[in-house]
Amino acid sequence: MAAPELSALHVVVGDEELLVERVLARMVSAARRVEEDVDVHELSPAQVNAGSLAEAASPSLFGERRLVILRDAQDLTKDLVSAVTPYIQQPAPDVVLILTHAGGAKGKALLETAIQAGATRTDCPKPTKPSERLAFVKGEFDAAGRQVTRDAAQALVDAVGSDLRELAAACAQLVADTEGSVDANTVARYYSGKAEANGFTVADRAVEGKRAEALEALRWSLAIGTAPVLINSALAGAVRGLAVVADPPRGVGDGELAKRAKVPPWKIKTLRQQARGWTVSGLGRALEVVAETDVQIKGAGRDPAYALERAVLEIVSARDRR
């Protein structure tokens, strides 16, 4: 195809649906800049057979250019791979063929065949590191011509979570509803309720000794349907993290401490701040509390909400234990 952005064969690799969708949208737009009425066909593995593939990937009798998107190529059966391979190895004139592939070992042979045939590869990896999610948020604001502070980006990730569609929607809302640079106060006005409605916030406020805030976050979290077992898991993780950093072995670096505490490295600084004021005796009691609460939530008690409220109060009290 004449569009400089497009070659005859492309593979889009990755399991992050939003990013894959955006790449495909850009490719379709590039094709339509060349020919507004380009014929776009999308096929899933369930729709692929010899007839449907021949119809979609063969030159049009009327001369229209075609763009064929074959989704989830890793799910094609061996017979379908055999049917698709000739079209990959010798694309038809005026037809752009795009394969999406989740990555990984499944269906890797077809992906390698496409690469060997000269396919242009675009990777869409799922952001897994905190820094990658922050970069995604910043990119959303950059694309909209807006600025966002690092604290605001972190607050938005903390509030919304790791789902890219939700993060993108949150960024779009802030861009539409605000003006100027977006800071942490702006994010708090829009997302404070959601930010408080998770077990990690309950745990953070409890180990910091903030009784009223911890109870408020707990009640809000339960009200929106957060599973009690997840809240107690967050409490247990916070207390165990404190135990790791409160008295670390000599010569152990932050990276190793993060592994032992099962947290990302940036969280170690927060844990050290939260550990101030805690004693060995207090941490021992807090660990007992989360273990007891786990038993209560999983069947020994009748009221998980009461068990969690008691756990919060006991943890706050344990912090002051001498």
Protein backbone atom coordinates (compact mmCIF):
# COMPACT_ATOMS: atom_id res chain seq x y z
CA MET A 1 0.00 0.00 0.00
CA ALA A 2 1.22 3.49 -0.74
CA ALA A 3 0.92 4.77 2.81
CA PRO A 4 4.43 5.17 4.24
CA GLU A 5 3.15 4.06 7.65
CA LEU A 6 1.96 0.73 6.22
CA SER A 7 3.68 -2.17 4.52
CA ALA A 8 2.01 -5.22 3.07
CA LEU A 9 2.37 -7.30 6.23
CA HIS A 10 2.29 -6.37 9.92
CA VAL A 11 2.26 -8.20 13.24
CA VAL A 12 1.05 -6.50 16.42
CA VAL A 13 2.36 -8.44 19.41
CA GLY A 14 1.14 -8.14 23.00
CA ASP A 15 -1.69 -8.97 25.36
CA GLU A 16 -2.58 -5.42 26.42
CA GLU A 17 -5.88 -4.97 24.60
CA LEU A 18 -6.05 -1.18 24.78
CA LEU A 19 -2.60 -0.72 23.26
CA VAL A 20 -3.32 -3.24 20.51
CA GLU A 21 -6.59 -1.47 19.69
CA ARG A 22 -4.80 1.86 19.42
CA VAL A 23 -2.17 0.49 17.06
CA LEU A 24 -4.87 -1.03 14.84
CA ALA A 25 -6.80 2.25 14.85
CA ARG A 26 -3.69 4.13 13.72
CA MET A 27 -3.14 1.64 10.91
CA VAL A 28 -6.71 1.94 9.70
CA SER A 29 -6.41 5.74 9.80
CA ALA A 30 -3.15 5.57 7.82
CA ALA A 31 -4.86 3.43 5.19
CA ARG A 32 -7.79 5.82 4.95
CA ARG A 33 -5.51 8.80 4.50
CA VAL A 34 -4.46 7.14 1.25
CA GLU A 35 -7.88 5.89 0.23
CA GLU A 36 -10.92 6.99 2.18
CA ASP A 37 -13.04 4.01 1.13
CA VAL A 38 -10.46 1.33 1.96
CA ASP A 39 -12.19 -1.97 2.60
CA VAL A 40 -11.45 -3.16 6.17
CA HIS A 41 -12.05 -6.78 7.16
CA GLU A 42 -11.61 -8.22 10.65
CA LEU A 43 -11.46 -11.95 11.29
CA SER A 44 -11.21 -13.91 14.53
CA PRO A 45 -9.93 -17.50 14.58
CA ALA A 46 -13.53 -18.72 14.83
CA GLN A 47 -14.36 -16.88 11.59
CA VAL A 48 -11.35 -18.09 9.62
CA ASN A 49 -11.79 -20.78 6.99
CA ALA A 50 -10.50 -21.22 3.47
CA GLY A 51 -13.44 -19.34 1.98
CA SER A 52 -13.52 -16.38 4.37
CA LEU A 53 -9.75 -15.91 4.17
CA ALA A 54 -9.72 -16.05 0.36
CA GLU A 55 -12.54 -13.54 0.18
CA ALA A 56 -10.92 -11.12 2.64
CA ALA A 57 -7.29 -11.38 1.55
CA SER A 58 -7.65 -11.53 -2.22
CA PRO A 59 -7.52 -8.45 -4.47
CA SER A 60 -10.89 -6.88 -5.14
CA LEU A 61 -12.40 -7.21 -8.60
CA PHE A 62 -13.37 -3.55 -8.38
CA GLY A 63 -9.91 -2.32 -7.47
CA GLU A 64 -10.55 -1.28 -3.85
CA ARG A 65 -7.62 -1.51 -1.49
CA ARG A 66 -8.13 -3.90 1.39
CA LEU A 67 -6.89 -4.05 4.96
CA VAL A 68 -7.35 -7.42 6.65
CA ILE A 69 -6.96 -7.76 10.42
CA LEU A 70 -6.59 -11.32 11.67
CA ARG A 71 -6.96 -11.20 15.44
CA ASP A 72 -5.55 -13.59 18.03
CA ALA A 73 -3.40 -15.45 15.56
CA GLN A 74 -2.00 -17.56 18.40
CA ASP A 75 -5.38 -19.31 18.65
CA LEU A 76 -5.44 -20.60 15.08
CA THR A 77 -5.50 -24.39 14.72
CA LYS A 78 -2.80 -26.20 12.73
CA ASP A 79 -5.11 -26.52 9.73
CA LEU A 80 -5.89 -22.81 9.78
CA VAL A 81 -2.20 -21.94 10.16
CA SER A 82 -1.58 -23.95 7.00
CA ALA A 83 -4.32 -22.00 5.23
CA VAL A 84 -3.03 -18.60 6.41
CA THR A 85 0.68 -19.20 5.74
CA PRO A 86 0.53 -18.76 1.91
CA TYR A 87 -1.12 -15.36 2.32
CA ILE A 88 1.63 -14.34 4.73
CA GLN A 89 4.45 -15.53 2.52
CA GLN A 90 3.05 -13.91 -0.61
CA PRO A 91 0.65 -11.03 0.21
CA ALA A 92 -1.72 -10.04 -2.58
CA PRO A 93 -1.29 -6.67 -4.30
CA ASP A 94 -3.22 -3.82 -2.71
CA VAL A 95 -3.92 -5.91 0.42
CA VAL A 96 -2.46 -5.10 3.82
CA LEU A 97 -2.53 -8.07 6.20
CA ILE A 98 -2.25 -7.42 9.95
CA LEU A 99 -1.94 -10.23 12.48
CA THR A 100 -2.40 -9.68 16.19
CA HIS A 101 -0.62 -12.12 18.48
CA ALA A 102 -0.65 -12.23 22.28
CA GLY A 103 3.04 -13.17 22.46
CA GLY A 104 4.38 -16.20 24.28
CA ALA A 105 4.98 -19.69 22.99
CA LYS A 106 1.49 -20.46 21.71
CA GLY A 107 1.31 -19.97 17.96
CA LYS A 108 4.90 -18.76 17.85
CA ALA A 109 5.67 -20.58 14.60
CA LEU A 110 3.15 -18.47 12.67
CA LEU A 111 4.55 -15.30 14.21
CA GLU A 112 8.08 -16.29 13.18
CA THR A 113 6.86 -17.08 9.69
CA ALA A 114 5.43 -13.60 9.38
CA ILE A 115 8.64 -11.99 10.65
CA GLN A 116 10.71 -14.02 8.20
CA ALA A 117 8.38 -12.91 5.41
CA GLY A 118 9.28 -9.29 6.21
CA ALA A 119 6.40 -8.28 8.47
CA THR A 120 6.68 -5.00 10.32
CA ARG A 121 6.46 -5.79 14.04
CA THR A 122 4.84 -3.55 16.67
CA ASP A 123 5.05 -4.63 20.32
CA CYS A 124 2.34 -3.74 22.85
CA PRO A 125 3.62 -5.09 26.17
CA LYS A 126 1.46 -4.81 29.26
CA PRO A 127 2.94 -2.30 31.74
CA THR A 128 3.90 -4.32 34.80
CA LYS A 129 6.23 -1.99 36.68
CA PRO A 130 5.05 1.07 38.64
CA SER A 131 7.34 3.27 36.53
CA GLU A 132 5.72 1.95 33.34
CA ARG A 133 2.23 2.77 34.57
CA LEU A 134 3.37 6.27 35.55
CA ALA A 135 4.87 6.67 32.08
CA PHE A 136 1.56 5.59 30.54
CA VAL A 137 -0.36 8.22 32.54
CA LYS A 138 2.15 10.92 31.58
CA GLY A 139 1.86 9.86 27.96
CA GLU A 140 -1.91 10.26 28.06
CA PHE A 141 -1.59 13.84 29.29
CA ASP A 142 1.24 14.60 26.85
CA ALA A 143 -0.94 13.39 23.97
CA ALA A 144 -3.68 15.77 25.13
CA GLY A 145 -1.24 18.68 25.39
CA ARG A 146 -1.51 18.86 29.16
CA GLN A 147 0.94 18.60 32.03
CA VAL A 148 0.64 16.29 35.02
CA THR A 149 2.91 16.28 38.07
CA ARG A 150 4.60 13.04 39.12
CA ASP A 151 2.70 13.11 42.43
CA ALA A 152 -0.58 13.45 40.54
CA ALA A 153 0.28 10.58 38.20
CA GLN A 154 1.13 8.38 41.21
CA ALA A 155 -2.08 9.40 42.99
CA LEU A 156 -4.11 8.52 39.90
CA VAL A 157 -2.49 5.08 39.62
CA ASP A 158 -3.06 4.49 43.35
CA ALA A 159 -6.70 5.50 43.01
CA VAL A 160 -7.66 3.80 39.76
CA GLY A 161 -5.38 0.76 39.69
CA SER A 162 -3.41 -0.94 36.93
CA ASP A 163 -6.14 -1.45 34.31
CA LEU A 164 -5.08 0.68 31.32
CA ARG A 165 -8.60 1.29 30.07
CA GLU A 166 -9.62 2.69 33.44
CA LEU A 167 -6.46 4.77 33.66
CA ALA A 168 -6.99 6.14 30.16
CA ALA A 169 -10.60 7.00 30.97
CA ALA A 170 -9.54 8.74 34.18
CA CYS A 171 -6.92 10.78 32.32
CA ALA A 172 -9.48 11.74 29.68
CA GLN A 173 -11.94 12.87 32.36
CA LEU A 174 -9.34 15.04 34.07
CA VAL A 175 -8.31 16.58 30.75
CA ALA A 176 -11.94 17.34 29.91
CA ASP A 177 -12.97 18.67 33.32
CA THR A 178 -9.92 20.66 34.41
CA GLU A 179 -7.58 23.34 33.13
CA GLY A 180 -3.85 23.85 33.42
CA SER A 181 -1.41 21.46 35.03
CA VAL A 182 -2.99 18.54 36.91
CA ASP A 183 -1.58 18.10 40.42
CA ALA A 184 -2.23 15.69 43.29
CA ASN A 185 -4.92 17.94 44.80
CA THR A 186 -6.86 17.82 41.53
CA VAL A 187 -6.69 14.02 41.45
CA ALA A 188 -7.80 13.86 45.10
CA ARG A 189 -10.91 15.95 44.36
CA TYR A 190 -12.02 13.54 41.64
CA TYR A 191 -10.84 10.20 42.95
CA SER A 192 -10.49 10.40 46.72
CA GLY A 193 -13.49 8.14 47.26
CA LYS A 194 -12.16 5.46 44.98
CA ALA A 195 -8.64 5.81 46.32
CA GLU A 196 -9.87 5.14 49.83
CA ALA A 197 -11.93 2.17 48.74
CA ASN A 198 -9.24 -0.48 48.71
CA GLY A 199 -7.55 -2.71 51.23
CA PHE A 200 -4.15 -1.14 50.75
CA THR A 201 -5.39 2.24 51.96
CA VAL A 202 -7.04 0.58 54.97
CA ALA A 203 -3.74 -1.15 55.74
CA ASP A 204 -1.62 1.99 55.30
CA ARG A 205 -3.81 4.06 57.61
CA ALA A 206 -3.93 1.29 60.22
CA VAL A 207 -0.17 0.74 60.44
CA GLU A 208 0.32 4.51 60.56
CA GLY A 209 -1.87 4.61 63.66
CA LYS A 210 -4.62 6.68 62.01
CA ARG A 211 -7.60 5.02 63.62
CA ALA A 212 -10.43 7.21 62.28
CA GLU A 213 -9.09 7.28 58.72
CA ALA A 214 -8.50 3.53 58.69
CA LEU A 215 -12.03 2.80 59.89
CA GLU A 216 -13.52 5.20 57.37
CA ALA A 217 -11.56 3.59 54.53
CA LEU A 218 -12.60 0.13 55.78
CA ARG A 219 -16.31 0.98 55.85
CA TRP A 220 -16.16 2.56 52.41
CA SER A 221 -14.27 -0.39 50.99
CA LEU A 222 -16.79 -2.88 52.37
CA ALA A 223 -19.68 -0.72 51.17
CA ILE A 224 -18.58 -0.95 47.54
CA GLY A 225 -18.12 -4.71 47.77
CA THR A 226 -14.41 -5.27 48.36
CA ALA A 227 -13.95 -8.86 49.56
CA PRO A 228 -13.04 -9.03 53.28
CA VAL A 229 -10.32 -11.59 52.56
CA LEU A 230 -8.59 -9.09 50.25
CA ILE A 231 -8.68 -6.36 52.88
CA ASN A 232 -7.15 -8.65 55.50
CA SER A 233 -4.56 -9.77 52.97
CA ALA A 234 -3.55 -6.13 52.55
CA LEU A 235 -3.36 -5.73 56.34
CA ALA A 236 -1.19 -8.83 56.61
CA GLY A 237 1.09 -7.65 53.82
CA ALA A 238 1.54 -4.24 55.43
CA VAL A 239 2.40 -5.70 58.83
CA ARG A 240 4.82 -8.25 57.36
CA GLY A 241 6.46 -5.50 55.34
CA LEU A 242 7.01 -3.49 58.49
CA ALA A 243 8.54 -6.52 60.17
CA VAL A 244 11.03 -6.88 57.31
CA VAL A 245 12.25 -3.26 57.36
CA ALA A 246 12.03 -2.65 61.12
CA ASP A 247 15.09 -4.77 61.93
CA PRO A 248 16.84 -5.69 58.66
CA PRO A 249 19.89 -7.97 58.64
CA ARG A 250 23.16 -6.10 58.27
CA GLY A 251 24.37 -5.67 54.69
CA VAL A 252 21.01 -6.45 53.04
CA GLY A 253 20.14 -3.89 50.35
CA ASP A 254 16.78 -2.40 49.48
CA GLY A 255 16.34 -4.72 46.50
CA GLU A 256 16.59 -7.81 48.68
CA LEU A 257 14.39 -6.23 51.36
CA ALA A 258 11.75 -5.53 48.72
CA LYS A 259 11.80 -9.19 47.68
CA ARG A 260 11.42 -10.33 51.27
CA ALA A 261 8.61 -7.87 51.91
CA LYS A 262 7.00 -8.76 48.55
CA VAL A 263 6.72 -5.11 47.51
CA PRO A 264 8.17 -3.04 44.66
CA PRO A 265 11.50 -1.37 45.56
CA TRP A 266 9.98 2.12 45.73
CA LYS A 267 7.71 0.94 48.56
CA ILE A 268 10.67 0.34 50.93
CA LYS A 269 10.96 4.06 51.69
CA THR A 270 7.26 4.18 52.62
CA LEU A 271 7.60 1.10 54.82
CA ARG A 272 10.53 2.64 56.69
CA GLN A 273 8.48 5.75 57.41
CA GLN A 274 5.54 3.64 58.57
CA ALA A 275 7.79 1.49 60.77
CA ARG A 276 8.75 4.46 62.95
CA GLY A 277 7.11 4.10 66.34
CA TRP A 278 6.65 0.35 66.07
CA THR A 279 8.31 -2.01 68.54
CA VAL A 280 9.15 -5.69 68.15
CA SER A 281 6.42 -6.48 70.68
CA GLY A 282 3.88 -4.38 68.78
CA LEU A 283 4.70 -6.02 65.45
CA GLY A 284 4.39 -9.44 67.05
CA ARG A 285 0.93 -8.57 68.29
CA ALA A 286 -0.10 -7.15 64.90
CA LEU A 287 0.99 -10.36 63.18
CA GLU A 288 -1.14 -12.34 65.64
CA VAL A 289 -4.12 -10.08 64.89
CA VAL A 290 -4.04 -10.60 61.11
CA ALA A 291 -3.67 -14.37 61.59
CA GLU A 292 -6.66 -14.43 63.96
CA THR A 293 -8.68 -12.27 61.56
CA ASP A 294 -7.91 -14.59 58.66
CA VAL A 295 -9.44 -17.48 60.61
CA GLN A 296 -12.49 -15.39 61.53
CA ILE A 297 -13.10 -14.29 57.93
CA LYS A 298 -12.72 -17.79 56.52
CA GLY A 299 -15.40 -19.37 58.64
CA ALA A 300 -14.75 -19.27 62.34
CA GLY A 301 -16.56 -15.97 62.82
CA ARG A 302 -20.04 -14.86 61.85
CA ASP A 303 -19.31 -11.27 60.86
CA PRO A 304 -16.27 -10.55 58.64
CA ALA A 305 -16.91 -6.79 58.84
CA TYR A 306 -16.75 -6.87 62.64
CA ALA A 307 -13.59 -9.01 62.50
CA LEU A 308 -11.91 -6.48 60.21
CA GLU A 309 -12.96 -3.52 62.33
CA ARG A 310 -11.55 -5.25 65.39
CA ALA A 311 -8.34 -5.98 63.44
CA VAL A 312 -7.91 -2.31 62.54
CA LEU A 313 -8.41 -1.22 66.15
CA GLU A 314 -6.01 -3.88 67.44
CA ILE A 315 -3.32 -2.96 64.90
CA VAL A 316 -3.57 0.71 65.76
CA SER A 317 -3.28 -0.17 69.45
CA ALA A 318 -0.34 -2.51 68.77
CA ARG A 319 1.56 0.39 67.22
CA ASP A 320 1.62 2.14 70.61
CA ARG A 321 2.54 -1.04 72.47
CA ARG A 322 5.69 -0.82 74.61
